[in-house]
Amino acid sequence: MEGKWGEFNTYPPMQMATIDGGAAGDLTVAGLKPIYTLVAVVNVAAAGANLVDEFTITDTNTINNTGGTDTTGMLLLVVWYSGDAGL
């Protein structure tokens, strides 16, 4: 079990980043991979509105919400579970 704890600390499975919003479509999130699980995409400016149901991970460093909310001018908190955490 100690090995798993060490791996958890070295490679945290829950990760997050803040990004600037934009027109509905592709947005860049550094460190994101298609094998990861998107947990939340929160519009920080709108009292924490979670837009995760509109987004998918479509490529490395890319989430997409084509046809969804235009997030231009918003700050988004993106939270994901990294599937290659070694757990």
Protein backbone atom coordinates (compact mmCIF):
# COMPACT_ATOMS: atom_id res chain seq x y z
CA MET A 1 0.00 0.00 0.00
CA GLU A 2 2.89 2.40 0.62
CA GLY A 3 3.83 2.15 -3.08
CA LYS A 4 0.35 3.22 -4.12
CA TRP A 5 0.49 6.21 -1.77
CA GLY A 6 3.83 7.24 -3.23
CA GLU A 7 2.47 6.95 -6.75
CA PHE A 8 -0.55 9.01 -5.77
CA ASN A 9 1.70 11.80 -4.51
CA THR A 10 3.97 11.67 -7.54
CA TYR A 11 1.21 11.37 -10.13
CA PRO A 12 -1.95 12.90 -8.69
CA PRO A 13 -4.96 11.29 -10.36
CA MET A 14 -7.19 14.36 -9.85
CA GLN A 15 -5.83 17.34 -11.74
CA MET A 16 -7.15 20.76 -12.65
CA ALA A 17 -6.36 23.86 -14.65
CA THR A 18 -7.96 27.22 -15.28
CA ILE A 19 -8.38 28.33 -18.88
CA ASP A 20 -9.95 31.24 -20.68
CA GLY A 21 -13.26 30.40 -22.31
CA GLY A 22 -14.00 30.95 -25.96
CA ALA A 23 -16.47 30.29 -28.74
CA ALA A 24 -18.16 26.90 -28.54
CA GLY A 25 -15.76 24.32 -29.96
CA ASP A 26 -12.18 23.38 -29.15
CA LEU A 27 -10.48 24.84 -26.06
CA THR A 28 -6.89 24.06 -25.03
CA VAL A 29 -6.12 22.47 -21.64
CA ALA A 30 -2.41 21.73 -21.12
CA GLY A 31 -1.69 18.22 -19.86
CA LEU A 32 -5.02 16.67 -20.84
CA LYS A 33 -5.11 13.34 -22.72
CA PRO A 34 -7.98 11.53 -24.45
CA ILE A 35 -7.66 8.59 -22.02
CA TYR A 36 -8.50 10.83 -19.05
CA THR A 37 -11.98 11.31 -17.58
CA LEU A 38 -13.39 14.82 -17.57
CA VAL A 39 -14.92 15.49 -14.13
CA ALA A 40 -15.96 19.16 -14.26
CA VAL A 41 -15.81 22.27 -16.40
CA VAL A 42 -16.91 25.06 -14.08
CA ASN A 43 -17.71 28.60 -15.16
CA VAL A 44 -16.08 30.42 -12.26
CA ALA A 45 -17.84 33.71 -13.09
CA ALA A 46 -21.36 32.22 -13.08
CA ALA A 47 -21.55 31.07 -9.47
CA GLY A 48 -19.91 27.76 -10.29
CA ALA A 49 -22.12 26.61 -13.17
CA ASN A 50 -20.79 23.17 -14.15
CA LEU A 51 -20.73 22.76 -17.93
CA VAL A 52 -19.13 19.29 -17.94
CA ASP A 53 -22.11 17.74 -19.74
CA GLU A 54 -21.35 19.95 -22.74
CA PHE A 55 -17.66 19.01 -23.04
CA THR A 56 -15.69 15.97 -24.17
CA ILE A 57 -11.96 15.34 -24.39
CA THR A 58 -11.38 15.11 -28.13
CA ASP A 59 -7.58 15.10 -28.37
CA THR A 60 -4.44 15.69 -26.32
CA ASN A 61 -4.75 19.09 -24.60
CA THR A 62 -8.23 19.63 -26.13
CA ILE A 63 -11.80 19.73 -24.84
CA ASN A 64 -14.74 20.47 -27.13
CA ASN A 65 -18.32 21.68 -26.70
CA THR A 66 -19.39 22.34 -30.29
CA GLY A 67 -23.01 23.50 -30.19
CA GLY A 68 -22.73 24.26 -26.47
CA THR A 69 -22.30 27.38 -24.39
CA ASP A 70 -20.13 30.19 -25.75
CA THR A 71 -17.70 30.74 -22.87
CA THR A 72 -15.97 33.81 -24.33
CA GLY A 73 -14.89 36.13 -21.52
CA MET A 74 -15.34 33.43 -18.87
CA LEU A 75 -12.73 31.76 -16.68
CA LEU A 76 -13.21 27.99 -16.64
CA LEU A 77 -11.92 25.56 -14.04
CA VAL A 78 -11.33 22.20 -15.73
CA VAL A 79 -11.00 19.14 -13.47
CA TRP A 80 -10.06 15.68 -14.73
CA TYR A 81 -9.05 12.25 -13.53
CA SER A 82 -5.83 11.09 -15.15
CA GLY A 83 -6.32 7.49 -16.22
CA ASP A 84 -2.59 6.80 -16.46
CA ALA A 85 -1.92 7.67 -12.80
CA GLY A 86 -0.37 4.27 -12.17
CA LEU A 87 -2.99 3.22 -9.63
